[in-house]
Amino acid sequence: MRIKQWNLLSSIEQQQLLARPAQAQSASLQQQVAAIIDAVAQNGDAAVLQYTQQFDCESLRKLRYSAEEIAEQAAKLEPTIRAAIDKAYSTIAAFHQAQTPKDITVETAPGVVCTQRFAPLDAVGLYIPGGTAVLPSTALMLGVPAQIANNPRRVLVSPPDKNGELSPALMYVAQKCGITEVYRCGGAQAIAALALGTESIAPVAKIYGPGNSYVTAAKQQVAQLPGGPAIDMPAGPSELLVIADDSANPSFVAADLLSQAEHGVDSQVILLSPSAKLLKATAEAIEQQLAILPRAATARQALASSALIQTRDLAEAFAISQRYAPEHLSLQFDKADEAVDQVNLAGSVFIGHFTPESGGDYATGTNHVLPTYGFARNYSSLGLLDFYRRFTTQQVSKAGLSELADAIITLAETEGLRAHARAVSIRLEERS
């Protein structure tokens, strides 16, 4: 990777250096996804099975995993993996349990009581990607908050392997998180089934989880349907930005950059540092560590769209980070905790030399479902509140209504809404 000096670049070159790899969102892809959604709307289970047979397992004949089949698969899990999942479950549950919302009641005026209440969504769809990697960690990140929120229906979908099975690790997580339904299907067809419902899969209120460009497009399209489900957040390829200085260990920095680069060819990683020495040492460490990575080919393609950037100082690095708004932000310099307020536009921040980004992916406790593609400017990381809906109540006594009447009636009449005004005055005309 070549090192770029930020202050020697033109504004256009700077913009190009921070540009994300183009996502596959062509008109053709959008049309293909729309056709899949329409097929599921018309043919239900038959369409979902057809597409799953085409893309994942030719011999698949049944979508739903029974409770017995889930237990049978979970029982195959190796003890060491089971222990790792149990540890991650405990930290994720601890952090999300602390987010449990409380109702708020306020007497806004004498005799006027307003309350903000929370209720778990009735049905949530949890999409767990398959393909090149099995992701029990994502099942934990979605399943644990759904369990804590006590959503009545927790529906997990994931593409099966070539034998029509889901991994023992995934099924163990499903058991542990109290997932009520599990279906062997992925891609746009699974999203369509969650959104529209089929003979086997009842529709859900909200769909969560990352996926490829087809899944992302499907989530966006079903969310636009009349009466369609909500979705968790806009998603894109994984990304990491590291800010480091001479106090950082270049091997640590390189390992973090590669941990995200190996996700996919469209991932992006960026290192910002005022230290030319660190940048050079990190570039060398990247090459050394690539030599032993099983997914080195994938990482190399991602690195082609990535950058090592020398800044004048840390302050300039902070400004660039705020402009980029990364999914993951790693601060590898001494007293990094004192700088967090200056770099708050990020999905999740990893503070200090011994806080690897992969810790957040698995077991520190924070959620790894995060906004990408710069959406950290206005979207938040996934949390427990995303599994609830918020609503309000108000209760007004006659004396309380009398106190507010002039304000309500005046405002209603100002807006030309006489029926609104009358709904107040008629109550005050009634005898007690």
Protein backbone atom coordinates (compact mmCIF):
# COMPACT_ATOMS: atom_id res chain seq x y z
CA MET A 1 0.00 0.00 0.00
CA ARG A 2 1.31 3.45 -0.92
CA ILE A 3 1.38 6.25 1.64
CA LYS A 4 -0.42 9.49 0.73
CA GLN A 5 0.23 12.89 2.29
CA TRP A 6 -3.11 14.54 2.90
CA ASN A 7 -1.96 18.17 2.65
CA LEU A 8 -0.35 17.55 -0.77
CA LEU A 9 -3.61 16.32 -2.30
CA SER A 10 -6.15 18.52 -4.06
CA SER A 11 -9.69 18.61 -2.64
CA ILE A 12 -10.81 16.31 -5.48
CA GLU A 13 -7.96 13.86 -4.74
CA GLN A 14 -8.86 13.91 -1.06
CA GLN A 15 -12.47 13.17 -1.89
CA GLN A 16 -11.45 10.30 -4.16
CA LEU A 17 -9.17 8.84 -1.50
CA LEU A 18 -12.06 8.64 0.96
CA ALA A 19 -14.59 7.37 -1.59
CA ARG A 20 -16.16 4.04 -0.69
CA PRO A 21 -15.96 1.18 -3.20
CA ALA A 22 -19.08 1.32 -5.38
CA GLN A 23 -21.76 -1.03 -4.13
CA ALA A 24 -23.46 -3.32 -6.62
CA GLN A 25 -26.73 -1.44 -6.88
CA SER A 26 -27.21 -1.48 -10.63
CA ALA A 27 -30.61 -1.14 -12.28
CA SER A 28 -30.31 -4.77 -13.30
CA LEU A 29 -29.81 -5.90 -9.71
CA GLN A 30 -32.76 -3.83 -8.52
CA GLN A 31 -34.95 -5.42 -11.20
CA GLN A 32 -33.80 -8.92 -10.26
CA VAL A 33 -34.62 -8.28 -6.61
CA ALA A 34 -38.02 -6.84 -7.51
CA ALA A 35 -38.76 -9.96 -9.59
CA ILE A 36 -37.83 -12.21 -6.64
CA ILE A 37 -40.05 -10.24 -4.28
CA ASP A 38 -42.93 -10.46 -6.77
CA ALA A 39 -42.42 -14.22 -7.19
CA VAL A 40 -42.60 -14.73 -3.42
CA ALA A 41 -45.72 -12.54 -3.26
CA GLN A 42 -47.36 -14.68 -5.94
CA ASN A 43 -46.11 -18.17 -5.06
CA GLY A 44 -45.07 -18.11 -1.41
CA ASP A 45 -43.13 -21.13 -0.16
CA ALA A 46 -42.75 -22.56 -3.66
CA ALA A 47 -40.83 -19.48 -4.80
CA VAL A 48 -38.66 -19.38 -1.69
CA LEU A 49 -37.81 -23.07 -2.11
CA GLN A 50 -37.10 -22.65 -5.81
CA TYR A 51 -34.62 -19.84 -5.27
CA THR A 52 -33.00 -21.58 -2.30
CA GLN A 53 -32.57 -24.74 -4.37
CA GLN A 54 -31.08 -22.64 -7.18
CA PHE A 55 -28.58 -20.76 -5.05
CA ASP A 56 -27.86 -22.97 -2.02
CA CYS A 57 -29.10 -26.58 -1.94
CA GLU A 58 -30.68 -28.42 -4.87
CA SER A 59 -32.19 -31.14 -2.69
CA LEU A 60 -33.90 -28.89 -0.12
CA ARG A 61 -37.56 -29.82 0.35
CA LYS A 62 -38.52 -28.12 3.60
CA LEU A 63 -37.87 -24.60 4.85
CA ARG A 64 -38.57 -24.82 8.56
CA TYR A 65 -36.26 -26.41 11.12
CA SER A 66 -38.29 -28.16 13.80
CA ALA A 67 -37.36 -27.79 17.47
CA GLU A 68 -36.05 -31.37 17.36
CA GLU A 69 -33.84 -30.61 14.35
CA ILE A 70 -32.49 -27.46 16.02
CA ALA A 71 -31.62 -29.48 19.13
CA GLU A 72 -30.02 -32.23 17.05
CA GLN A 73 -27.77 -29.77 15.22
CA ALA A 74 -26.90 -27.84 18.39
CA ALA A 75 -25.85 -31.07 20.10
CA LYS A 76 -23.11 -31.54 17.49
CA LEU A 77 -21.29 -28.40 18.56
CA GLU A 78 -17.75 -28.79 19.85
CA PRO A 79 -17.36 -27.94 23.56
CA THR A 80 -14.72 -25.28 22.90
CA ILE A 81 -17.01 -23.41 20.49
CA ARG A 82 -19.93 -23.81 22.89
CA ALA A 83 -17.83 -22.24 25.67
CA ALA A 84 -16.81 -19.33 23.40
CA ILE A 85 -20.45 -18.68 22.49
CA ASP A 86 -21.45 -18.83 26.16
CA LYS A 87 -18.80 -16.22 27.05
CA ALA A 88 -19.81 -13.91 24.22
CA TYR A 89 -23.48 -14.34 25.14
CA SER A 90 -22.76 -13.25 28.72
CA THR A 91 -20.99 -10.01 27.75
CA ILE A 92 -23.50 -9.10 25.02
CA ALA A 93 -26.42 -9.81 27.36
CA ALA A 94 -24.87 -7.75 30.17
CA PHE A 95 -24.42 -4.69 27.96
CA HIS A 96 -27.84 -4.92 26.33
CA GLN A 97 -29.69 -5.71 29.56
CA ALA A 98 -28.44 -2.38 30.92
CA GLN A 99 -30.24 -0.65 28.01
CA THR A 100 -33.71 -1.79 29.16
CA PRO A 101 -36.00 1.22 28.75
CA LYS A 102 -38.22 2.58 31.52
CA ASP A 103 -41.57 4.27 31.11
CA ILE A 104 -41.52 8.01 31.83
CA THR A 105 -44.51 9.77 33.44
CA VAL A 106 -44.70 13.56 33.70
CA GLU A 107 -47.49 15.83 34.97
CA THR A 108 -46.99 18.51 32.33
CA ALA A 109 -49.64 20.77 33.89
CA PRO A 110 -52.00 20.36 36.87
CA GLY A 111 -54.35 17.49 36.02
CA VAL A 112 -52.50 16.55 32.81
CA VAL A 113 -50.46 13.34 32.97
CA CYS A 114 -48.37 12.21 29.97
CA THR A 115 -46.49 8.92 29.77
CA GLN A 116 -43.95 7.52 27.34
CA ARG A 117 -44.25 3.74 27.17
CA PHE A 118 -42.31 0.95 25.48
CA ALA A 119 -43.63 -2.28 24.03
CA PRO A 120 -41.64 -5.05 22.33
CA LEU A 121 -42.30 -5.50 18.63
CA ASP A 122 -44.59 -8.48 18.07
CA ALA A 123 -42.43 -10.20 15.46
CA VAL A 124 -38.80 -9.65 14.43
CA GLY A 125 -36.96 -11.19 11.49
CA LEU A 126 -33.27 -11.92 12.09
CA TYR A 127 -31.25 -12.37 8.89
CA ILE A 128 -27.96 -14.24 9.34
CA PRO A 129 -25.72 -14.28 6.24
CA GLY A 130 -24.23 -17.52 4.97
CA GLY A 131 -21.99 -18.15 2.00
CA THR A 132 -18.24 -17.90 2.58
CA ALA A 133 -18.49 -17.73 6.39
CA VAL A 134 -20.75 -19.06 9.16
CA LEU A 135 -21.72 -16.17 11.47
CA PRO A 136 -22.98 -17.27 14.90
CA SER A 137 -21.69 -13.90 16.15
CA THR A 138 -24.33 -12.08 14.12
CA ALA A 139 -26.99 -14.44 15.47
CA LEU A 140 -25.89 -13.42 18.98
CA MET A 141 -25.95 -9.71 18.12
CA LEU A 142 -29.55 -10.03 16.91
CA GLY A 143 -30.82 -12.85 19.10
CA VAL A 144 -29.69 -11.52 22.48
CA PRO A 145 -31.51 -8.15 22.29
CA ALA A 146 -34.60 -9.86 20.85
CA GLN A 147 -34.55 -12.21 23.83
CA ILE A 148 -34.09 -9.39 26.35
CA ALA A 149 -36.84 -7.33 24.73
CA ASN A 150 -38.99 -10.46 24.83
CA ASN A 151 -40.29 -10.10 21.29
CA PRO A 152 -43.05 -12.77 21.09
CA ARG A 153 -41.94 -14.06 17.65
CA ARG A 154 -38.21 -14.25 16.92
CA VAL A 155 -37.71 -15.58 13.40
CA LEU A 156 -34.24 -16.55 12.17
CA VAL A 157 -33.50 -17.08 8.48
CA SER A 158 -30.17 -18.12 7.00
CA PRO A 159 -29.07 -19.79 3.76
CA PRO A 160 -28.39 -23.52 4.22
CA ASP A 161 -25.22 -25.30 3.17
CA LYS A 162 -25.11 -27.61 0.14
CA ASN A 163 -26.62 -30.39 2.29
CA GLY A 164 -29.54 -28.23 3.34
CA GLU A 165 -28.31 -27.75 6.91
CA LEU A 166 -27.56 -24.79 9.17
CA SER A 167 -24.42 -24.95 11.29
CA PRO A 168 -24.41 -26.42 14.81
CA ALA A 169 -23.00 -23.10 16.12
CA LEU A 170 -25.89 -21.17 14.62
CA MET A 171 -28.46 -23.60 16.02
CA TYR A 172 -26.87 -23.48 19.47
CA VAL A 173 -27.21 -19.70 19.44
CA ALA A 174 -30.83 -20.05 18.30
CA GLN A 175 -31.52 -22.34 21.26
CA LYS A 176 -29.70 -20.09 23.73
CA CYS A 177 -31.50 -16.94 22.56
CA GLY A 178 -34.95 -18.52 22.54
CA ILE A 179 -35.44 -18.15 18.79
CA THR A 180 -38.99 -19.34 18.18
CA GLU A 181 -38.73 -20.10 14.44
CA VAL A 182 -35.82 -21.07 12.16
CA TYR A 183 -36.01 -21.27 8.36
CA ARG A 184 -33.43 -22.48 5.83
CA CYS A 185 -33.45 -19.69 3.27
CA GLY A 186 -31.36 -16.63 2.47
CA GLY A 187 -30.99 -13.88 -0.09
CA ALA A 188 -33.72 -11.62 -1.39
CA GLN A 189 -36.24 -14.48 -1.22
CA ALA A 190 -35.82 -14.75 2.56
CA ILE A 191 -36.28 -11.00 3.01
CA ALA A 192 -39.41 -11.14 0.83
CA ALA A 193 -40.79 -14.03 2.89
CA LEU A 194 -40.23 -12.14 6.15
CA ALA A 195 -41.85 -9.03 4.73
CA LEU A 196 -44.82 -10.50 2.87
CA GLY A 197 -45.38 -13.85 4.56
CA THR A 198 -45.81 -17.26 2.95
CA GLU A 199 -47.67 -20.44 3.85
CA SER A 200 -44.90 -21.31 6.32
CA ILE A 201 -43.54 -17.91 7.37
CA ALA A 202 -45.83 -15.27 8.83
CA PRO A 203 -44.74 -11.67 8.14
CA VAL A 204 -42.68 -9.77 10.72
CA ALA A 205 -42.79 -6.16 11.89
CA LYS A 206 -39.09 -5.43 11.42
CA ILE A 207 -36.12 -7.05 9.66
CA TYR A 208 -32.58 -6.97 11.05
CA GLY A 209 -29.17 -8.10 9.90
CA PRO A 210 -26.47 -7.57 7.28
CA GLY A 211 -26.22 -9.22 3.88
CA ASN A 212 -24.93 -8.94 0.34
CA SER A 213 -26.12 -6.42 -2.23
CA TYR A 214 -29.22 -8.51 -3.02
CA VAL A 215 -30.22 -8.67 0.63
CA THR A 216 -29.57 -4.95 1.08
CA ALA A 217 -31.63 -4.08 -1.99
CA ALA A 218 -34.44 -6.40 -0.88
CA LYS A 219 -34.58 -4.81 2.58
CA GLN A 220 -34.80 -1.36 1.03
CA GLN A 221 -37.51 -2.41 -1.42
CA VAL A 222 -39.79 -4.22 1.07
CA ALA A 223 -39.53 -1.29 3.49
CA GLN A 224 -41.13 0.88 0.79
CA LEU A 225 -44.14 -1.41 0.33
CA PRO A 226 -47.50 -0.24 1.76
CA GLY A 227 -47.71 -1.89 5.16
CA GLY A 228 -44.20 -3.28 4.72
CA PRO A 229 -41.78 -3.95 7.57
CA ALA A 230 -39.30 -1.58 9.12
CA ILE A 231 -35.59 -2.35 8.69
CA ASP A 232 -32.75 -1.82 11.13
CA MET A 233 -30.47 0.54 9.15
CA PRO A 234 -28.83 1.17 5.78
CA ALA A 235 -25.96 -1.25 5.30
CA GLY A 236 -22.90 -1.52 3.11
CA PRO A 237 -19.51 -3.22 3.00
CA SER A 238 -17.50 -3.39 6.22
CA GLU A 239 -15.04 -0.58 6.97
CA LEU A 240 -12.46 0.48 9.55
CA LEU A 241 -10.60 3.73 10.10
CA VAL A 242 -7.58 3.76 12.44
CA ILE A 243 -6.02 6.89 13.92
CA ALA A 244 -2.56 6.20 15.36
CA ASP A 245 0.71 7.92 16.26
CA ASP A 246 4.24 6.86 17.22
CA SER A 247 2.98 5.29 20.42
CA ALA A 248 1.07 2.64 18.40
CA ASN A 249 2.36 -0.84 17.64
CA PRO A 250 2.43 -1.22 13.82
CA SER A 251 1.74 -4.95 14.08
CA PHE A 252 -1.43 -4.24 16.08
CA VAL A 253 -2.54 -1.63 13.56
CA ALA A 254 -1.87 -3.93 10.60
CA ALA A 255 -3.77 -6.79 12.24
CA ASP A 256 -6.81 -4.57 12.81
CA LEU A 257 -6.77 -3.29 9.23
CA LEU A 258 -6.57 -6.82 7.86
CA SER A 259 -9.33 -8.04 10.19
CA GLN A 260 -11.75 -5.86 8.26
CA ALA A 261 -10.14 -6.19 4.83
CA GLU A 262 -10.69 -9.96 4.93
CA HIS A 263 -14.48 -9.49 5.23
CA GLY A 264 -14.94 -8.94 1.51
CA VAL A 265 -13.45 -7.48 -1.64
CA ASP A 266 -15.61 -4.37 -1.21
CA SER A 267 -14.46 -3.70 2.36
CA GLN A 268 -12.38 -0.59 3.00
CA VAL A 269 -9.74 0.25 5.61
CA ILE A 270 -7.94 3.54 6.23
CA LEU A 271 -5.02 4.47 8.48
CA LEU A 272 -4.49 8.13 9.45
CA SER A 273 -1.28 9.12 11.21
CA PRO A 274 1.09 12.09 11.50
CA SER A 275 3.96 9.57 11.79
CA ALA A 276 5.68 8.58 8.55
CA LYS A 277 7.60 5.97 10.53
CA LEU A 278 4.41 4.28 11.76
CA LEU A 279 2.81 4.34 8.31
CA LYS A 280 5.84 2.68 6.72
CA ALA A 281 6.13 0.06 9.48
CA THR A 282 2.41 -0.71 9.23
CA ALA A 283 2.64 -1.18 5.45
CA GLU A 284 5.47 -3.66 6.00
CA ALA A 285 3.52 -5.47 8.74
CA ILE A 286 0.50 -5.76 6.45
CA GLU A 287 2.59 -7.58 3.85
CA GLN A 288 4.08 -9.89 6.45
CA GLN A 289 0.70 -10.79 7.93
CA LEU A 290 -0.96 -11.23 4.54
CA ALA A 291 1.46 -14.08 3.83
CA ILE A 292 -0.19 -16.25 6.49
CA LEU A 293 -3.86 -15.29 6.04
CA PRO A 294 -6.20 -17.89 4.49
CA ARG A 295 -8.32 -15.05 3.07
CA ALA A 296 -5.33 -13.07 1.77
CA ALA A 297 -6.72 -12.85 -1.78
CA THR A 298 -9.90 -11.23 -0.51
CA ALA A 299 -7.98 -8.86 1.74
CA ARG A 300 -5.64 -7.79 -1.08
CA GLN A 301 -8.60 -6.81 -3.26
CA ALA A 302 -10.06 -4.76 -0.41
CA LEU A 303 -6.68 -3.07 0.19
CA ALA A 304 -6.71 -1.83 -3.40
CA SER A 305 -9.54 0.55 -2.38
CA SER A 306 -7.96 1.40 0.97
CA ALA A 307 -5.42 4.00 2.06
CA LEU A 308 -2.53 4.88 4.35
CA ILE A 309 -2.63 8.65 4.88
CA GLN A 310 -0.09 10.93 6.56
CA THR A 311 -1.65 13.92 8.30
CA ARG A 312 -0.05 17.06 9.76
CA ASP A 313 -1.14 16.09 13.27
CA LEU A 314 -3.80 14.15 15.18
CA ALA A 315 -6.21 17.08 14.97
CA GLU A 316 -6.23 16.82 11.16
CA ALA A 317 -6.77 13.06 11.49
CA PHE A 318 -9.77 13.71 13.74
CA ALA A 319 -11.26 16.10 11.16
CA ILE A 320 -10.84 13.54 8.36
CA SER A 321 -12.46 10.85 10.49
CA GLN A 322 -15.48 13.08 11.17
CA ARG A 323 -15.77 13.68 7.44
CA TYR A 324 -15.58 9.96 6.65
CA ALA A 325 -17.88 8.78 9.52
CA PRO A 326 -16.60 5.19 9.64
CA GLU A 327 -18.45 2.07 10.72
CA HIS A 328 -15.54 1.16 13.03
CA LEU A 329 -13.06 3.70 14.42
CA SER A 330 -9.89 2.59 16.24
CA LEU A 331 -7.91 5.11 18.30
CA GLN A 332 -4.40 3.76 18.86
CA PHE A 333 -2.48 6.46 20.69
CA ASP A 334 -1.79 7.26 24.33
CA LYS A 335 -4.67 8.86 26.29
CA ALA A 336 -7.05 8.03 23.43
CA ASP A 337 -10.00 8.11 25.82
CA GLU A 338 -9.58 11.89 26.08
CA ALA A 339 -10.22 12.32 22.34
CA VAL A 340 -13.50 10.42 21.93
CA ASP A 341 -15.67 13.55 21.99
CA GLN A 342 -13.71 14.89 19.00
CA VAL A 343 -14.45 11.80 16.87
CA ASN A 344 -18.05 10.93 17.68
CA LEU A 345 -19.24 10.31 14.11
CA ALA A 346 -18.64 6.56 14.03
CA GLY A 347 -20.69 3.41 14.43
CA SER A 348 -18.48 2.09 17.22
CA VAL A 349 -15.18 3.40 18.67
CA PHE A 350 -12.32 1.19 19.90
CA ILE A 351 -10.15 3.05 22.40
CA GLY A 352 -6.50 2.33 23.13
CA HIS A 353 -3.75 -0.05 22.10
CA PHE A 354 -5.32 -3.19 23.54
CA THR A 355 -8.84 -2.82 22.13
CA PRO A 356 -8.94 -4.77 18.86
CA GLU A 357 -11.84 -4.13 16.51
CA SER A 358 -12.51 -7.86 16.39
CA GLY A 359 -13.29 -7.71 20.11
CA GLY A 360 -16.42 -5.75 19.26
CA ASP A 361 -17.25 -8.20 16.50
CA TYR A 362 -17.48 -11.02 19.00
CA ALA A 363 -17.35 -10.56 22.72
CA THR A 364 -16.76 -7.15 24.31
CA GLY A 365 -20.53 -6.76 24.60
CA THR A 366 -21.32 -3.96 22.16
CA ASN A 367 -23.36 -4.74 19.06
CA HIS A 368 -21.53 -5.31 15.78
CA VAL A 369 -24.50 -4.39 13.57
CA LEU A 370 -23.45 -0.85 12.64
CA PRO A 371 -24.18 1.85 10.05
CA THR A 372 -21.74 1.89 7.13
CA TYR A 373 -21.10 4.03 4.04
CA GLY A 374 -21.07 7.24 6.09
CA PHE A 375 -24.50 6.65 7.64
CA ALA A 376 -22.87 6.93 11.08
CA ARG A 377 -23.50 10.66 10.64
CA ASN A 378 -27.21 10.11 11.28
CA TYR A 379 -27.79 6.46 12.23
CA SER A 380 -26.86 4.64 15.43
CA SER A 381 -25.41 1.24 16.22
CA LEU A 382 -28.00 -1.46 16.83
CA GLY A 383 -29.22 -1.59 20.42
CA LEU A 384 -31.97 -2.94 22.61
CA LEU A 385 -34.33 -0.04 21.88
CA ASP A 386 -34.43 -1.08 18.21
CA PHE A 387 -36.49 -4.10 19.28
CA TYR A 388 -39.22 -1.99 20.86
CA ARG A 389 -41.76 0.49 19.66
CA ARG A 390 -42.32 3.66 21.66
CA PHE A 391 -45.74 5.19 22.21
CA THR A 392 -47.33 7.80 24.46
CA THR A 393 -50.46 8.10 26.57
CA GLN A 394 -52.13 11.11 28.15
CA GLN A 395 -54.85 11.41 30.76
CA VAL A 396 -56.51 14.76 31.50
CA SER A 397 -58.92 15.67 34.29
CA LYS A 398 -61.73 18.16 33.70
CA ALA A 399 -59.87 20.75 35.76
CA GLY A 400 -56.70 20.07 33.75
CA LEU A 401 -58.59 20.46 30.46
CA SER A 402 -60.06 23.73 31.68
CA GLU A 403 -56.55 25.06 32.31
CA LEU A 404 -55.39 24.13 28.78
CA ALA A 405 -58.61 24.97 26.97
CA ASP A 406 -57.74 28.53 25.92
CA ALA A 407 -54.42 27.45 24.41
CA ILE A 408 -55.90 24.44 22.57
CA ILE A 409 -58.94 26.30 21.23
CA THR A 410 -56.90 29.34 20.13
CA LEU A 411 -54.36 27.20 18.28
CA ALA A 412 -57.07 25.06 16.66
CA GLU A 413 -58.97 28.10 15.44
CA THR A 414 -55.74 29.70 14.21
CA GLU A 415 -55.29 26.64 12.03
CA GLY A 416 -58.90 26.72 10.87
CA LEU A 417 -59.77 23.42 12.55
CA ARG A 418 -63.04 24.21 14.30
CA ALA A 419 -63.87 20.58 15.08
CA HIS A 420 -60.65 20.35 17.04
CA ALA A 421 -61.68 23.38 19.10
CA ARG A 422 -65.20 22.04 19.58
CA ALA A 423 -63.86 18.72 20.93
CA VAL A 424 -62.49 20.74 23.87
CA SER A 425 -65.28 23.26 24.43
CA ILE A 426 -68.06 20.65 24.34
CA ARG A 427 -66.49 18.82 27.27
CA LEU A 428 -66.34 21.97 29.36
CA GLU A 429 -69.99 22.71 28.61
CA GLU A 430 -71.04 19.36 30.13
CA ARG A 431 -72.08 19.37 33.74
CA SER A 432 -70.03 17.24 36.08
